[in-house]
Every structure is written in C-alpha cells, then in structure tokens.
Amino acid sequence: MPHRFRLLSILALCFVILPVSRASQQGDASKPSVFPSISTYSLDKAKTNLPAEFEGKVNLFLISFEPEQSKDIETWMPLAQALQHMNFQFRYYKMPVSGPENMIYRWWDSSSLRGVETDPESWHWIIPLYLNKNDFRRSLNIPNEKEVVTALVDKDGQVIWQTSGRLTNDKKASLEAAVAGATHHS
C-alpha cells in the first residue's frame, strides 16, 4: 500500500509541475520581440538612436555574431537590395554584433569593416553594435549565436517577422509576404 501511495504522489506532482514548467518555457517564446533602445554609429560615422531613427516603415536587420557568418549574410543581400529598390518604405541594415568593447577596439573594428565594405555608399546601412550580447539576444528572442538572424522590424522596434540561417526559397517568399503586408497597411 505505501508503494502505491508513493507512486500516486509522484504522478500527482508530475501533473502539477509539468504544466508549470511548459508554461514558463512557452512564456519566453511568446514574449514579443522588441529591438532595444541603442545609441550607436553607422560605418559612415553618423550617430543614430535606434529604433527611433530607423529610416523605413519596416526595416530588415541582417544580424551576425561572428565574422565567418558574413557569407550567410551575403545570401540575403540581393533580396534586401531588391526590396529596398522596389519599396520606399523598406530599409535594410547589416548589424554585426560584438561585446561591449573599449573605444580603441571599436575604432579598429569599424575601420576594418570599412576596409572590407569598400563602397562608402553602403556604410550608412552597416551599423556595428557593441553591447551586452546576451541582453540583446534576449530582447529579440534569439536563442544563440550559431546562425545569422534576419528580422523585419517596424518603426517602433516591434519584430514583425524573424528567421535564422541562410536565405532559402521558403524564407524569401515568407519575407516578401511580410514586407508586403507591413507596408500596405497604414
């Protein structure tokens, strides 16, 4: 009899704890993603306050965490450039993310990025971020730094659409639909 009582107690405990555990996990995933308020500089040395000074009604962020991820960011560039060319309410930004480095490192890193991105016209659209990467990822519900993240964000910083990894045909169609929906509703 005591064995049966202990088994029933364990089962009852599981029915109480499991739903609470699942709710807290789902609560994090259902939390709205919002771009944090940041004051920073683009590669053209223009100071910008984000998200207040995003230039588009909707803005695509091509977020990378490691220099090696630039190849994956480049898969998105033809689509980002085409969308920006066709839709004046849309802008894209490349955002390489680093930890909160000192001013000398930031200067060196930005200078290096200018050496890689040799077209000064593109510098305005490249905004290196030097911040607490964990807090940044948490605000955008990014689980890790293993893949690039592509996020469509409105003028207020609310994430409308988000994915990770290289561009695929499915991601392209999904992004195009999200941009069309976001820019046609006023």
C-alpha atoms as a PDB file:
ATOM      1  CA  MET A   1       0.000   0.000   0.000  1.00  0.00           C
ATOM      2  CA  PRO A   2       2.734   2.596   0.799  1.00  0.00           C
ATOM      3  CA  HIS A   3       4.324   1.880  -2.592  1.00  0.00           C
ATOM      4  CA  ARG A   4       1.065   2.650  -4.401  1.00  0.00           C
ATOM      5  CA  PHE A   5       0.609   5.853  -2.372  1.00  0.00           C
ATOM      6  CA  ARG A   6       4.138   6.994  -3.247  1.00  0.00           C
ATOM      7  CA  LEU A   7       3.525   6.272  -6.948  1.00  0.00           C
ATOM      8  CA  LEU A   8       0.280   8.278  -6.868  1.00  0.00           C
ATOM      9  CA  SER A   9       2.059  11.149  -5.094  1.00  0.00           C
ATOM     10  CA  ILE A  10       4.763  11.216  -7.761  1.00  0.00           C
ATOM     11  CA  LEU A  11       2.189  11.170 -10.554  1.00  0.00           C
ATOM     12  CA  ALA A  12       0.192  13.980  -8.927  1.00  0.00           C
ATOM     13  CA  LEU A  13       3.361  16.013  -8.516  1.00  0.00           C
ATOM     14  CA  CYS A  14       4.201  15.491 -12.202  1.00  0.00           C
ATOM     15  CA  PHE A  15       0.760  16.754 -13.237  1.00  0.00           C
ATOM     16  CA  VAL A  16       1.330  19.910 -11.204  1.00  0.00           C
ATOM     17  CA  ILE A  17       4.977  20.649 -12.091  1.00  0.00           C
ATOM     18  CA  LEU A  18       4.982  19.697 -15.792  1.00  0.00           C
ATOM     19  CA  PRO A  19       2.292  22.206 -16.877  1.00  0.00           C
ATOM     20  CA  VAL A  20       4.005  24.994 -14.899  1.00  0.00           C
ATOM     21  CA  SER A  21       7.360  24.144 -16.494  1.00  0.00           C
ATOM     22  CA  ARG A  22       5.870  24.068 -20.006  1.00  0.00           C
ATOM     23  CA  ALA A  23       4.042  27.367 -19.452  1.00  0.00           C
ATOM     24  CA  SER A  24       7.238  29.143 -18.418  1.00  0.00           C
ATOM     25  CA  GLN A  25       9.082  27.803 -21.482  1.00  0.00           C
ATOM     26  CA  GLN A  26       6.241  28.873 -23.771  1.00  0.00           C
ATOM     27  CA  GLY A  27       6.022  32.208 -21.977  1.00  0.00           C
ATOM     28  CA  ASP A  28       9.549  33.105 -23.098  1.00  0.00           C
ATOM     29  CA  ALA A  29       8.829  32.113 -26.703  1.00  0.00           C
ATOM     30  CA  SER A  30       5.546  34.019 -26.818  1.00  0.00           C
ATOM     31  CA  LYS A  31       7.062  37.179 -25.315  1.00  0.00           C
ATOM     32  CA  PRO A  32       7.061  39.856 -28.040  1.00  0.00           C
ATOM     33  CA  SER A  33      10.446  40.564 -29.571  1.00  0.00           C
ATOM     34  CA  VAL A  34      11.463  44.214 -29.435  1.00  0.00           C
ATOM     35  CA  PHE A  35      14.611  45.893 -30.704  1.00  0.00           C
ATOM     36  CA  PRO A  36      16.281  47.553 -27.684  1.00  0.00           C
ATOM     37  CA  SER A  37      16.983  51.295 -27.483  1.00  0.00           C
ATOM     38  CA  ILE A  38      20.584  51.839 -28.572  1.00  0.00           C
ATOM     39  CA  SER A  39      22.654  54.920 -29.364  1.00  0.00           C
ATOM     40  CA  THR A  40      25.418  53.986 -31.791  1.00  0.00           C
ATOM     41  CA  TYR A  41      27.216  54.876 -35.031  1.00  0.00           C
ATOM     42  CA  SER A  42      26.940  53.508 -38.558  1.00  0.00           C
ATOM     43  CA  LEU A  43      30.108  52.884 -40.589  1.00  0.00           C
ATOM     44  CA  ASP A  44      29.701  56.333 -42.197  1.00  0.00           C
ATOM     45  CA  LYS A  45      30.196  57.719 -38.645  1.00  0.00           C
ATOM     46  CA  ALA A  46      26.619  59.032 -38.393  1.00  0.00           C
ATOM     47  CA  LYS A  47      25.251  58.813 -34.860  1.00  0.00           C
ATOM     48  CA  THR A  48      21.926  57.053 -34.721  1.00  0.00           C
ATOM     49  CA  ASN A  49      19.419  56.303 -31.977  1.00  0.00           C
ATOM     50  CA  LEU A  50      17.663  53.024 -32.553  1.00  0.00           C
ATOM     51  CA  PRO A  51      14.857  52.161 -33.031  1.00  0.00           C
ATOM     52  CA  ALA A  52      13.663  55.808 -33.153  1.00  0.00           C
ATOM     53  CA  GLU A  53      15.769  56.687 -36.199  1.00  0.00           C
ATOM     54  CA  PHE A  54      15.161  53.657 -38.389  1.00  0.00           C
ATOM     55  CA  GLU A  55      14.619  55.058 -41.844  1.00  0.00           C
ATOM     56  CA  GLY A  56      11.961  52.655 -43.097  1.00  0.00           C
ATOM     57  CA  LYS A  57       8.403  51.971 -42.082  1.00  0.00           C
ATOM     58  CA  VAL A  58       9.760  48.423 -41.936  1.00  0.00           C
ATOM     59  CA  ASN A  59      13.449  47.606 -41.533  1.00  0.00           C
ATOM     60  CA  LEU A  60      15.265  44.359 -42.197  1.00  0.00           C
ATOM     61  CA  PHE A  61      18.140  43.543 -39.868  1.00  0.00           C
ATOM     62  CA  LEU A  62      20.820  41.168 -41.044  1.00  0.00           C
ATOM     63  CA  ILE A  63      22.393  40.278 -37.695  1.00  0.00           C
ATOM     64  CA  SER A  64      25.677  38.392 -37.389  1.00  0.00           C
ATOM     65  CA  PHE A  65      27.665  37.419 -34.322  1.00  0.00           C
ATOM     66  CA  GLU A  66      30.912  36.143 -35.890  1.00  0.00           C
ATOM     67  CA  PRO A  67      32.968  37.410 -38.871  1.00  0.00           C
ATOM     68  CA  GLU A  68      32.639  33.968 -40.526  1.00  0.00           C
ATOM     69  CA  GLN A  69      28.874  34.491 -40.721  1.00  0.00           C
ATOM     70  CA  SER A  70      29.279  37.232 -43.352  1.00  0.00           C
ATOM     71  CA  LYS A  71      28.908  34.535 -46.064  1.00  0.00           C
ATOM     72  CA  ASP A  72      25.425  33.750 -44.752  1.00  0.00           C
ATOM     73  CA  ILE A  73      24.531  37.457 -44.566  1.00  0.00           C
ATOM     74  CA  GLU A  74      25.571  37.816 -48.217  1.00  0.00           C
ATOM     75  CA  THR A  75      22.924  35.256 -49.250  1.00  0.00           C
ATOM     76  CA  TRP A  76      20.297  37.804 -48.105  1.00  0.00           C
ATOM     77  CA  MET A  77      21.817  40.856 -49.823  1.00  0.00           C
ATOM     78  CA  PRO A  78      20.325  40.547 -53.343  1.00  0.00           C
ATOM     79  CA  LEU A  79      16.829  40.214 -51.861  1.00  0.00           C
ATOM     80  CA  ALA A  80      17.371  43.036 -49.326  1.00  0.00           C
ATOM     81  CA  GLN A  81      18.680  45.353 -52.053  1.00  0.00           C
ATOM     82  CA  ALA A  82      15.829  44.470 -54.425  1.00  0.00           C
ATOM     83  CA  LEU A  83      13.197  45.078 -51.738  1.00  0.00           C
ATOM     84  CA  GLN A  84      14.770  48.422 -50.840  1.00  0.00           C
ATOM     85  CA  HIS A  85      14.890  49.412 -54.520  1.00  0.00           C
ATOM     86  CA  MET A  86      11.220  48.485 -55.081  1.00  0.00           C
ATOM     87  CA  ASN A  87       9.703  49.715 -51.818  1.00  0.00           C
ATOM     88  CA  PHE A  88      10.493  53.158 -50.418  1.00  0.00           C
ATOM     89  CA  GLN A  89       9.023  52.192 -47.017  1.00  0.00           C
ATOM     90  CA  PHE A  90      11.596  49.393 -46.619  1.00  0.00           C
ATOM     91  CA  ARG A  91      15.243  49.670 -45.495  1.00  0.00           C
ATOM     92  CA  TYR A  92      17.823  47.051 -44.615  1.00  0.00           C
ATOM     93  CA  TYR A  93      20.734  47.205 -42.201  1.00  0.00           C
ATOM     94  CA  LYS A  94      23.683  44.890 -41.645  1.00  0.00           C
ATOM     95  CA  MET A  95      24.336  44.614 -37.920  1.00  0.00           C
ATOM     96  CA  PRO A  96      27.487  42.808 -36.821  1.00  0.00           C
ATOM     97  CA  VAL A  97      27.172  42.295 -33.064  1.00  0.00           C
ATOM     98  CA  SER A  98      30.142  42.335 -30.659  1.00  0.00           C
ATOM     99  CA  GLY A  99      30.515  42.591 -26.907  1.00  0.00           C
ATOM    100  CA  PRO A 100      30.847  45.989 -25.176  1.00  0.00           C
ATOM    101  CA  GLU A 101      34.397  46.706 -26.282  1.00  0.00           C
ATOM    102  CA  ASN A 102      36.602  49.707 -25.455  1.00  0.00           C
ATOM    103  CA  MET A 103      36.815  52.706 -27.806  1.00  0.00           C
ATOM    104  CA  ILE A 104      40.156  51.657 -29.337  1.00  0.00           C
ATOM    105  CA  TYR A 105      38.773  48.232 -30.287  1.00  0.00           C
ATOM    106  CA  ARG A 106      35.584  49.802 -31.683  1.00  0.00           C
ATOM    107  CA  TRP A 107      37.645  52.200 -33.822  1.00  0.00           C
ATOM    108  CA  TRP A 108      39.839  49.341 -35.082  1.00  0.00           C
ATOM    109  CA  ASP A 109      36.849  47.066 -35.769  1.00  0.00           C
ATOM    110  CA  SER A 110      34.897  49.771 -37.620  1.00  0.00           C
ATOM    111  CA  SER A 111      37.994  50.676 -39.662  1.00  0.00           C
ATOM    112  CA  SER A 112      38.419  47.004 -40.554  1.00  0.00           C
ATOM    113  CA  LEU A 113      34.775  46.781 -41.613  1.00  0.00           C
ATOM    114  CA  ARG A 114      35.251  49.835 -43.857  1.00  0.00           C
ATOM    115  CA  GLY A 115      38.203  48.029 -45.441  1.00  0.00           C
ATOM    116  CA  VAL A 116      36.007  45.016 -46.200  1.00  0.00           C
ATOM    117  CA  GLU A 117      32.983  47.076 -47.313  1.00  0.00           C
ATOM    118  CA  THR A 118      34.808  49.267 -49.815  1.00  0.00           C
ATOM    119  CA  ASP A 119      31.727  51.091 -51.180  1.00  0.00           C
ATOM    120  CA  PRO A 120      31.215  54.183 -48.978  1.00  0.00           C
ATOM    121  CA  GLU A 121      27.563  54.307 -50.141  1.00  0.00           C
ATOM    122  CA  SER A 122      26.909  51.074 -48.225  1.00  0.00           C
ATOM    123  CA  TRP A 123      28.425  52.324 -44.946  1.00  0.00           C
ATOM    124  CA  HIS A 124      25.229  54.090 -43.882  1.00  0.00           C
ATOM    125  CA  TRP A 125      23.420  50.723 -43.864  1.00  0.00           C
ATOM    126  CA  ILE A 126      26.024  48.947 -41.733  1.00  0.00           C
ATOM    127  CA  ILE A 127      25.641  49.511 -38.012  1.00  0.00           C
ATOM    128  CA  PRO A 128      28.101  47.632 -35.796  1.00  0.00           C
ATOM    129  CA  LEU A 129      26.638  47.024 -32.350  1.00  0.00           C
ATOM    130  CA  TYR A 130      28.887  46.857 -29.281  1.00  0.00           C
ATOM    131  CA  LEU A 131      26.683  45.740 -26.407  1.00  0.00           C
ATOM    132  CA  ASN A 132      25.800  43.004 -23.975  1.00  0.00           C
ATOM    133  CA  LYS A 133      25.084  40.239 -26.468  1.00  0.00           C
ATOM    134  CA  ASN A 134      23.010  38.166 -24.040  1.00  0.00           C
ATOM    135  CA  ASP A 135      20.660  41.076 -23.278  1.00  0.00           C
ATOM    136  CA  PHE A 136      20.407  41.888 -26.994  1.00  0.00           C
ATOM    137  CA  ARG A 137      19.604  38.286 -27.908  1.00  0.00           C
ATOM    138  CA  ARG A 138      17.067  38.062 -25.078  1.00  0.00           C
ATOM    139  CA  SER A 139      15.208  41.205 -26.269  1.00  0.00           C
ATOM    140  CA  LEU A 140      14.897  39.716 -29.766  1.00  0.00           C
ATOM    141  CA  ASN A 141      14.263  36.115 -28.589  1.00  0.00           C
ATOM    142  CA  ILE A 142      17.415  34.870 -30.333  1.00  0.00           C
ATOM    143  CA  PRO A 143      18.348  31.540 -28.714  1.00  0.00           C
ATOM    144  CA  ASN A 144      22.069  31.504 -29.595  1.00  0.00           C
ATOM    145  CA  GLU A 145      24.821  32.991 -31.768  1.00  0.00           C
ATOM    146  CA  LYS A 146      25.311  29.949 -34.016  1.00  0.00           C
ATOM    147  CA  GLU A 147      23.471  31.377 -37.040  1.00  0.00           C
ATOM    148  CA  VAL A 148      22.769  34.751 -38.572  1.00  0.00           C
ATOM    149  CA  VAL A 149      19.378  36.209 -37.725  1.00  0.00           C
ATOM    150  CA  THR A 150      17.180  38.116 -40.124  1.00  0.00           C
ATOM    151  CA  ALA A 151      14.448  40.216 -38.525  1.00  0.00           C
ATOM    152  CA  LEU A 152      11.831  42.527 -40.014  1.00  0.00           C
ATOM    153  CA  VAL A 153      11.119  45.311 -37.533  1.00  0.00           C
ATOM    154  CA  ASP A 154       8.636  48.189 -37.589  1.00  0.00           C
ATOM    155  CA  LYS A 155       9.418  51.830 -36.814  1.00  0.00           C
ATOM    156  CA  ASP A 156       8.722  51.248 -33.093  1.00  0.00           C
ATOM    157  CA  GLY A 157      11.157  48.338 -32.853  1.00  0.00           C
ATOM    158  CA  GLN A 158       8.500  45.564 -32.780  1.00  0.00           C
ATOM    159  CA  VAL A 159       9.640  42.430 -34.602  1.00  0.00           C
ATOM    160  CA  ILE A 160       7.136  41.530 -37.327  1.00  0.00           C
ATOM    161  CA  TRP A 161       8.985  38.553 -38.837  1.00  0.00           C
ATOM    162  CA  GLN A 162      12.156  36.688 -37.932  1.00  0.00           C
ATOM    163  CA  THR A 163      14.228  33.717 -39.063  1.00  0.00           C
ATOM    164  CA  SER A 164      17.776  32.431 -38.801  1.00  0.00           C
ATOM    165  CA  GLY A 165      20.332  30.991 -41.187  1.00  0.00           C
ATOM    166  CA  ARG A 166      20.978  31.406 -44.895  1.00  0.00           C
ATOM    167  CA  LEU A 167      18.311  32.550 -47.353  1.00  0.00           C
ATOM    168  CA  THR A 168      16.131  29.789 -48.813  1.00  0.00           C
ATOM    169  CA  ASN A 169      13.240  29.985 -51.289  1.00  0.00           C
ATOM    170  CA  ASP A 170      10.715  29.479 -48.463  1.00  0.00           C
ATOM    171  CA  LYS A 171      12.296  32.252 -46.357  1.00  0.00           C
ATOM    172  CA  LYS A 172      12.346  34.551 -49.391  1.00  0.00           C
ATOM    173  CA  ALA A 173       8.625  34.051 -50.065  1.00  0.00           C
ATOM    174  CA  SER A 174       7.781  34.459 -46.384  1.00  0.00           C
ATOM    175  CA  LEU A 175       9.804  37.688 -46.074  1.00  0.00           C
ATOM    176  CA  GLU A 176       8.321  39.162 -49.260  1.00  0.00           C
ATOM    177  CA  ALA A 177       4.808  38.455 -47.944  1.00  0.00           C
ATOM    178  CA  ALA A 178       5.664  40.000 -44.560  1.00  0.00           C
ATOM    179  CA  VAL A 179       7.087  43.157 -46.188  1.00  0.00           C
ATOM    180  CA  ALA A 180       4.066  43.489 -48.480  1.00  0.00           C
ATOM    181  CA  GLY A 181       1.671  43.063 -45.557  1.00  0.00           C
ATOM    182  CA  ALA A 182       3.522  45.518 -43.322  1.00  0.00           C
ATOM    183  CA  THR A 183       3.948  48.267 -45.910  1.00  0.00           C
ATOM    184  CA  HIS A 184       0.448  48.092 -47.395  1.00  0.00           C
ATOM    185  CA  HIS A 185      -1.310  48.542 -44.034  1.00  0.00           C
ATOM    186  CA  SER A 186      -1.158  52.130 -42.853  1.00  0.00           C
END
